[in-house]
């Protein structure tokens, strides 16, 4: 047979405070995880964008090399300098 014992208001207040702190912690961890997921998603986007830019750059320089031979671009002079 179980026996019920009344708790003091101080103990009840401590338990309520502990529960409140626990809920705040869980909320903060949830927010942190959501932010982490957003960062990971943004990082994936930026990595793909990097690859796309590199592919475009490589295609431009490949096309220039096929057209004019091996060389480099001088943007100040607006010239392609063949080697």
C-alpha atoms as a PDB file:
ATOM      1  CA  UNK A   1       0.000   0.000   0.000  1.00  0.00           C
ATOM      2  CA  UNK A   2       1.400   3.393  -0.953  1.00  0.00           C
ATOM      3  CA  UNK A   3       1.487   6.309   1.379  1.00  0.00           C
ATOM      4  CA  UNK A   4       1.036   9.939   0.319  1.00  0.00           C
ATOM      5  CA  UNK A   5       3.149  12.607   1.946  1.00  0.00           C
ATOM      6  CA  UNK A   6       2.460  16.294   1.376  1.00  0.00           C
ATOM      7  CA  UNK A   7       5.353  18.287  -0.090  1.00  0.00           C
ATOM      8  CA  UNK A   8       6.404  21.663   1.205  1.00  0.00           C
ATOM      9  CA  UNK A   9       5.769  24.699  -0.963  1.00  0.00           C
ATOM     10  CA  UNK A  10       9.551  25.156  -1.179  1.00  0.00           C
ATOM     11  CA  UNK A  11       9.986  21.667  -2.667  1.00  0.00           C
ATOM     12  CA  UNK A  12       7.106  22.200  -5.088  1.00  0.00           C
ATOM     13  CA  UNK A  13       8.626  25.539  -6.137  1.00  0.00           C
ATOM     14  CA  UNK A  14      12.028  23.892  -6.669  1.00  0.00           C
ATOM     15  CA  UNK A  15      10.481  21.181  -8.841  1.00  0.00           C
ATOM     16  CA  UNK A  16       8.548  23.781 -10.864  1.00  0.00           C
ATOM     17  CA  UNK A  17      11.744  25.793 -11.313  1.00  0.00           C
ATOM     18  CA  UNK A  18      13.631  22.672 -12.398  1.00  0.00           C
ATOM     19  CA  UNK A  19      10.885  21.787 -14.897  1.00  0.00           C
ATOM     20  CA  UNK A  20      10.948  25.347 -16.252  1.00  0.00           C
ATOM     21  CA  UNK A  21      14.741  25.219 -16.676  1.00  0.00           C
ATOM     22  CA  UNK A  22      14.424  21.848 -18.427  1.00  0.00           C
ATOM     23  CA  UNK A  23      11.807  23.195 -20.861  1.00  0.00           C
ATOM     24  CA  UNK A  24      13.991  26.251 -21.592  1.00  0.00           C
ATOM     25  CA  UNK A  25      16.978  23.998 -22.215  1.00  0.00           C
ATOM     26  CA  UNK A  26      14.996  21.796 -24.603  1.00  0.00           C
ATOM     27  CA  UNK A  27      13.732  24.886 -26.422  1.00  0.00           C
ATOM     28  CA  UNK A  28      17.269  26.271 -26.766  1.00  0.00           C
ATOM     29  CA  UNK A  29      18.590  22.906 -27.990  1.00  0.00           C
ATOM     30  CA  UNK A  30      15.766  22.756 -30.550  1.00  0.00           C
ATOM     31  CA  UNK A  31      16.552  26.272 -31.733  1.00  0.00           C
ATOM     32  CA  UNK A  32      20.251  25.412 -31.924  1.00  0.00           C
ATOM     33  CA  UNK A  33      19.519  22.296 -33.985  1.00  0.00           C
ATOM     34  CA  UNK A  34      17.283  24.240 -36.373  1.00  0.00           C
ATOM     35  CA  UNK A  35      20.012  26.860 -36.827  1.00  0.00           C
ATOM     36  CA  UNK A  36      22.528  24.089 -37.446  1.00  0.00           C
ATOM     37  CA  UNK A  37      20.287  22.580 -40.132  1.00  0.00           C
ATOM     38  CA  UNK A  38      19.882  25.989 -41.776  1.00  0.00           C
ATOM     39  CA  UNK A  39      23.670  26.451 -41.795  1.00  0.00           C
ATOM     40  CA  UNK A  40      24.206  22.984 -43.272  1.00  0.00           C
ATOM     41  CA  UNK A  41      21.614  23.689 -45.987  1.00  0.00           C
ATOM     42  CA  UNK A  42      23.253  27.036 -46.799  1.00  0.00           C
ATOM     43  CA  UNK A  43      26.673  25.367 -46.885  1.00  0.00           C
ATOM     44  CA  UNK A  44      25.423  22.765 -49.384  1.00  0.00           C
ATOM     45  CA  UNK A  45      24.008  25.549 -51.562  1.00  0.00           C
ATOM     46  CA  UNK A  46      27.278  27.485 -51.448  1.00  0.00           C
ATOM     47  CA  UNK A  47      29.328  24.386 -52.262  1.00  0.00           C
ATOM     48  CA  UNK A  48      27.145  23.736 -55.322  1.00  0.00           C
ATOM     49  CA  UNK A  49      27.391  27.395 -56.322  1.00  0.00           C
ATOM     50  CA  UNK A  50      31.196  27.138 -56.027  1.00  0.00           C
ATOM     51  CA  UNK A  51      31.211  24.082 -58.293  1.00  0.00           C
ATOM     52  CA  UNK A  52      28.960  25.847 -60.801  1.00  0.00           C
ATOM     53  CA  UNK A  53      31.238  28.913 -60.876  1.00  0.00           C
ATOM     54  CA  UNK A  54      34.336  26.738 -61.294  1.00  0.00           C
ATOM     55  CA  UNK A  55      32.649  24.825 -64.130  1.00  0.00           C
ATOM     56  CA  UNK A  56      31.721  28.078 -65.891  1.00  0.00           C
ATOM     57  CA  UNK A  57      35.246  29.458 -65.432  1.00  0.00           C
ATOM     58  CA  UNK A  58      36.802  26.247 -66.754  1.00  0.00           C
ATOM     59  CA  UNK A  59      34.489  26.252 -69.776  1.00  0.00           C
ATOM     60  CA  UNK A  60      35.301  29.881 -70.614  1.00  0.00           C
ATOM     61  CA  UNK A  61      39.053  29.282 -70.397  1.00  0.00           C
ATOM     62  CA  UNK A  62      38.768  26.003 -72.274  1.00  0.00           C
ATOM     63  CA  UNK A  63      36.842  27.733 -75.070  1.00  0.00           C
ATOM     64  CA  UNK A  64      39.446  30.528 -75.196  1.00  0.00           C
ATOM     65  CA  UNK A  65      42.285  27.988 -75.319  1.00  0.00           C
ATOM     66  CA  UNK A  66      40.611  26.087 -78.146  1.00  0.00           C
ATOM     67  CA  UNK A  67      39.999  29.294 -80.068  1.00  0.00           C
ATOM     68  CA  UNK A  68      43.305  31.132 -79.454  1.00  0.00           C
ATOM     69  CA  UNK A  69      45.677  28.522 -78.040  1.00  0.00           C
ATOM     70  CA  UNK A  70      47.082  28.255 -74.553  1.00  0.00           C
ATOM     71  CA  UNK A  71      47.298  31.615 -72.824  1.00  0.00           C
ATOM     72  CA  UNK A  72      45.891  33.931 -70.203  1.00  0.00           C
ATOM     73  CA  UNK A  73      43.437  36.785 -69.840  1.00  0.00           C
ATOM     74  CA  UNK A  74      44.485  40.360 -69.064  1.00  0.00           C
ATOM     75  CA  UNK A  75      41.278  42.032 -67.900  1.00  0.00           C
ATOM     76  CA  UNK A  76      42.907  45.468 -67.597  1.00  0.00           C
ATOM     77  CA  UNK A  77      43.953  45.376 -71.246  1.00  0.00           C
ATOM     78  CA  UNK A  78      40.848  43.408 -72.239  1.00  0.00           C
ATOM     79  CA  UNK A  79      43.112  40.992 -74.103  1.00  0.00           C
ATOM     80  CA  UNK A  80      43.801  37.286 -74.389  1.00  0.00           C
ATOM     81  CA  UNK A  81      47.524  36.728 -74.384  1.00  0.00           C
ATOM     82  CA  UNK A  82      48.579  33.546 -76.197  1.00  0.00           C
ATOM     83  CA  UNK A  83      51.716  31.750 -75.066  1.00  0.00           C
END
